[in-house]
Amino acid sequence: MTLRHIIKSQLFDEMFLEDFEYNIYYQICYLIALQRYRSLYI
């Protein structure tokens, strides 16, 4: 791993930690939408 890769991975980890709650919220919305889609079309 070069220094650039290490810096990029650290920046990515920080961004991921900041957006972690948003990602959970998005996944819950996606699961609800998927269940509604299945109940409508299956």
PDB file of N, CA and C in Angstrom:
ATOM      1  N   MET A   1       0.838  -1.201   0.000  1.00  0.00           N
ATOM      2  CA  MET A   1       0.000   0.000   0.000  1.00  0.00           C
ATOM      3  C   MET A   1       0.870   1.247   0.000  1.00  0.00           C
ATOM      4  N   THR A   2       0.559   2.152  -0.890  1.00  0.00           N
ATOM      5  CA  THR A   2       1.288   3.412  -0.925  1.00  0.00           C
ATOM      6  C   THR A   2       0.659   4.393   0.054  1.00  0.00           C
ATOM      7  N   LEU A   3       1.337   5.509   0.242  1.00  0.00           N
ATOM      8  CA  LEU A   3       0.827   6.527   1.162  1.00  0.00           C
ATOM      9  C   LEU A   3      -0.515   7.064   0.678  1.00  0.00           C
ATOM     10  N   ARG A   4      -0.665   7.191  -0.642  1.00  0.00           N
ATOM     11  CA  ARG A   4      -1.931   7.693  -1.183  1.00  0.00           C
ATOM     12  C   ARG A   4      -3.084   6.760  -0.841  1.00  0.00           C
ATOM     13  N   HIS A   5      -2.842   5.452  -0.951  1.00  0.00           N
ATOM     14  CA  HIS A   5      -3.893   4.494  -0.627  1.00  0.00           C
ATOM     15  C   HIS A   5      -4.279   4.571   0.850  1.00  0.00           C
ATOM     16  N   ILE A   6      -3.269   4.741   1.707  1.00  0.00           N
ATOM     17  CA  ILE A   6      -3.551   4.829   3.145  1.00  0.00           C
ATOM     18  C   ILE A   6      -4.383   6.073   3.437  1.00  0.00           C
ATOM     19  N   ILE A   7      -4.001   7.209   2.846  1.00  0.00           N
ATOM     20  CA  ILE A   7      -4.750   8.448   3.068  1.00  0.00           C
ATOM     21  C   ILE A   7      -6.174   8.300   2.542  1.00  0.00           C
ATOM     22  N   LYS A   8      -6.311   7.713   1.348  1.00  0.00           N
ATOM     23  CA  LYS A   8      -7.639   7.527   0.779  1.00  0.00           C
ATOM     24  C   LYS A   8      -8.496   6.640   1.666  1.00  0.00           C
ATOM     25  N   SER A   9      -7.927   5.562   2.184  1.00  0.00           N
ATOM     26  CA  SER A   9      -8.713   4.652   3.016  1.00  0.00           C
ATOM     27  C   SER A   9      -9.117   5.333   4.321  1.00  0.00           C
ATOM     28  N   GLN A  10      -8.236   6.167   4.880  1.00  0.00           N
ATOM     29  CA  GLN A  10      -8.590   6.880   6.110  1.00  0.00           C
ATOM     30  C   GLN A  10      -9.705   7.880   5.843  1.00  0.00           C
ATOM     31  N   LEU A  11      -9.624   8.599   4.722  1.00  0.00           N
ATOM     32  CA  LEU A  11     -10.681   9.544   4.381  1.00  0.00           C
ATOM     33  C   LEU A  11     -11.992   8.815   4.162  1.00  0.00           C
ATOM     34  N   PHE A  12     -11.923   7.669   3.492  1.00  0.00           N
ATOM     35  CA  PHE A  12     -13.130   6.891   3.234  1.00  0.00           C
ATOM     36  C   PHE A  12     -13.746   6.407   4.540  1.00  0.00           C
ATOM     37  N   ASP A  13     -12.897   5.958   5.478  1.00  0.00           N
ATOM     38  CA  ASP A  13     -13.407   5.494   6.769  1.00  0.00           C
ATOM     39  C   ASP A  13     -14.100   6.626   7.513  1.00  0.00           C
ATOM     40  N   GLU A  14     -13.521   7.832   7.483  1.00  0.00           N
ATOM     41  CA  GLU A  14     -14.142   8.967   8.166  1.00  0.00           C
ATOM     42  C   GLU A  14     -15.484   9.303   7.536  1.00  0.00           C
ATOM     43  N   MET A  15     -15.538   9.307   6.202  1.00  0.00           N
ATOM     44  CA  MET A  15     -16.794   9.594   5.518  1.00  0.00           C
ATOM     45  C   MET A  15     -17.825   8.531   5.841  1.00  0.00           C
ATOM     46  N   PHE A  16     -17.390   7.275   5.884  1.00  0.00           N
ATOM     47  CA  PHE A  16     -18.314   6.184   6.165  1.00  0.00           C
ATOM     48  C   PHE A  16     -18.872   6.304   7.578  1.00  0.00           C
ATOM     49  N   LEU A  17     -18.015   6.662   8.539  1.00  0.00           N
ATOM     50  CA  LEU A  17     -18.483   6.814   9.915  1.00  0.00           C
ATOM     51  C   LEU A  17     -19.461   7.969  10.022  1.00  0.00           C
ATOM     52  N   GLU A  18     -19.226   9.062   9.286  1.00  0.00           N
ATOM     53  CA  GLU A  18     -20.138  10.198   9.318  1.00  0.00           C
ATOM     54  C   GLU A  18     -21.488   9.828   8.724  1.00  0.00           C
ATOM     55  N   ASP A  19     -21.490   9.003   7.674  1.00  0.00           N
ATOM     56  CA  ASP A  19     -22.724   8.659   6.974  1.00  0.00           C
ATOM     57  C   ASP A  19     -23.324   7.352   7.461  1.00  0.00           C
ATOM     58  N   PHE A  20     -22.806   6.818   8.582  1.00  0.00           N
ATOM     59  CA  PHE A  20     -23.229   5.489   9.020  1.00  0.00           C
ATOM     60  C   PHE A  20     -24.713   5.481   9.388  1.00  0.00           C
ATOM     61  N   GLU A  21     -25.160   6.492  10.148  1.00  0.00           N
ATOM     62  CA  GLU A  21     -26.569   6.549  10.535  1.00  0.00           C
ATOM     63  C   GLU A  21     -27.441   6.729   9.303  1.00  0.00           C
ATOM     64  N   TYR A  22     -27.008   7.550   8.364  1.00  0.00           N
ATOM     65  CA  TYR A  22     -27.773   7.741   7.132  1.00  0.00           C
ATOM     66  C   TYR A  22     -27.871   6.443   6.351  1.00  0.00           C
ATOM     67  N   ASN A  23     -26.793   5.668   6.319  1.00  0.00           N
ATOM     68  CA  ASN A  23     -26.818   4.396   5.597  1.00  0.00           C
ATOM     69  C   ASN A  23     -27.808   3.427   6.221  1.00  0.00           C
ATOM     70  N   ILE A  24     -27.865   3.375   7.552  1.00  0.00           N
ATOM     71  CA  ILE A  24     -28.832   2.500   8.226  1.00  0.00           C
ATOM     72  C   ILE A  24     -30.251   2.940   7.869  1.00  0.00           C
ATOM     73  N   TYR A  25     -30.507   4.252   7.904  1.00  0.00           N
ATOM     74  CA  TYR A  25     -31.826   4.774   7.561  1.00  0.00           C
ATOM     75  C   TYR A  25     -32.184   4.407   6.129  1.00  0.00           C
ATOM     76  N   TYR A  26     -31.236   4.525   5.218  1.00  0.00           N
ATOM     77  CA  TYR A  26     -31.474   4.195   3.815  1.00  0.00           C
ATOM     78  C   TYR A  26     -31.774   2.712   3.647  1.00  0.00           C
ATOM     79  N   GLN A  27     -31.045   1.855   4.364  1.00  0.00           N
ATOM     80  CA  GLN A  27     -31.275   0.411   4.260  1.00  0.00           C
ATOM     81  C   GLN A  27     -32.652   0.037   4.778  1.00  0.00           C
ATOM     82  N   ILE A  28     -33.091   0.668   5.879  1.00  0.00           N
ATOM     83  CA  ILE A  28     -34.426   0.380   6.415  1.00  0.00           C
ATOM     84  C   ILE A  28     -35.488   0.796   5.404  1.00  0.00           C
ATOM     85  N   CYS A  29     -35.342   1.977   4.813  1.00  0.00           N
ATOM     86  CA  CYS A  29     -36.296   2.433   3.797  1.00  0.00           C
ATOM     87  C   CYS A  29     -36.309   1.483   2.610  1.00  0.00           C
ATOM     88  N   TYR A  30     -35.149   0.992   2.221  1.00  0.00           N
ATOM     89  CA  TYR A  30     -35.059   0.074   1.095  1.00  0.00           C
ATOM     90  C   TYR A  30     -35.770  -1.237   1.411  1.00  0.00           C
ATOM     91  N   LEU A  31     -35.590  -1.751   2.631  1.00  0.00           N
ATOM     92  CA  LEU A  31     -36.255  -2.998   3.009  1.00  0.00           C
ATOM     93  C   LEU A  31     -37.767  -2.823   3.027  1.00  0.00           C
ATOM     94  N   ILE A  32     -38.251  -1.688   3.547  1.00  0.00           N
ATOM     95  CA  ILE A  32     -39.695  -1.434   3.572  1.00  0.00           C
ATOM     96  C   ILE A  32     -40.232  -1.355   2.153  1.00  0.00           C
ATOM     97  N   ALA A  33     -39.526  -0.646   1.283  1.00  0.00           N
ATOM     98  CA  ALA A  33     -39.965  -0.528  -0.110  1.00  0.00           C
ATOM     99  C   ALA A  33     -39.972  -1.892  -0.784  1.00  0.00           C
ATOM    100  N   LEU A  34     -38.986  -2.721  -0.493  1.00  0.00           N
ATOM    101  CA  LEU A  34     -38.912  -4.051  -1.087  1.00  0.00           C
ATOM    102  C   LEU A  34     -40.082  -4.917  -0.627  1.00  0.00           C
ATOM    103  N   GLN A  35     -40.429  -4.837   0.657  1.00  0.00           N
ATOM    104  CA  GLN A  35     -41.561  -5.612   1.163  1.00  0.00           C
ATOM    105  C   GLN A  35     -42.863  -5.146   0.518  1.00  0.00           C
ATOM    106  N   ARG A  36     -43.040  -3.832   0.377  1.00  0.00           N
ATOM    107  CA  ARG A  36     -44.253  -3.314  -0.268  1.00  0.00           C
ATOM    108  C   ARG A  36     -44.321  -3.768  -1.716  1.00  0.00           C
ATOM    109  N   TYR A  37     -43.186  -3.740  -2.405  1.00  0.00           N
ATOM    110  CA  TYR A  37     -43.143  -4.168  -3.799  1.00  0.00           C
ATOM    111  C   TYR A  37     -43.532  -5.638  -3.914  1.00  0.00           C
ATOM    112  N   ARG A  38     -43.005  -6.465  -3.015  1.00  0.00           N
ATOM    113  CA  ARG A  38     -43.326  -7.894  -3.056  1.00  0.00           C
ATOM    114  C   ARG A  38     -44.805  -8.123  -2.773  1.00  0.00           C
ATOM    115  N   SER A  39     -45.368  -7.409  -1.815  1.00  0.00           N
ATOM    116  CA  SER A  39     -46.771  -7.628  -1.467  1.00  0.00           C
ATOM    117  C   SER A  39     -47.690  -7.145  -2.587  1.00  0.00           C
ATOM    118  N   LEU A  40     -47.243  -6.157  -3.345  1.00  0.00           N
ATOM    119  CA  LEU A  40     -48.078  -5.658  -4.441  1.00  0.00           C
ATOM    120  C   LEU A  40     -48.019  -6.567  -5.658  1.00  0.00           C
ATOM    121  N   TYR A  41     -46.845  -7.069  -5.982  1.00  0.00           N
ATOM    122  CA  TYR A  41     -46.660  -7.753  -7.268  1.00  0.00           C
ATOM    123  C   TYR A  41     -46.477  -9.260  -7.150  1.00  0.00           C
ATOM    124  N   ILE A  42     -46.449  -9.789  -5.920  1.00  0.00           N
ATOM    125  CA  ILE A  42     -46.296 -11.241  -5.792  1.00  0.00           C
ATOM    126  C   ILE A  42     -47.523 -11.810  -5.079  1.00  0.00           C
TER     127      ILE A  42
END
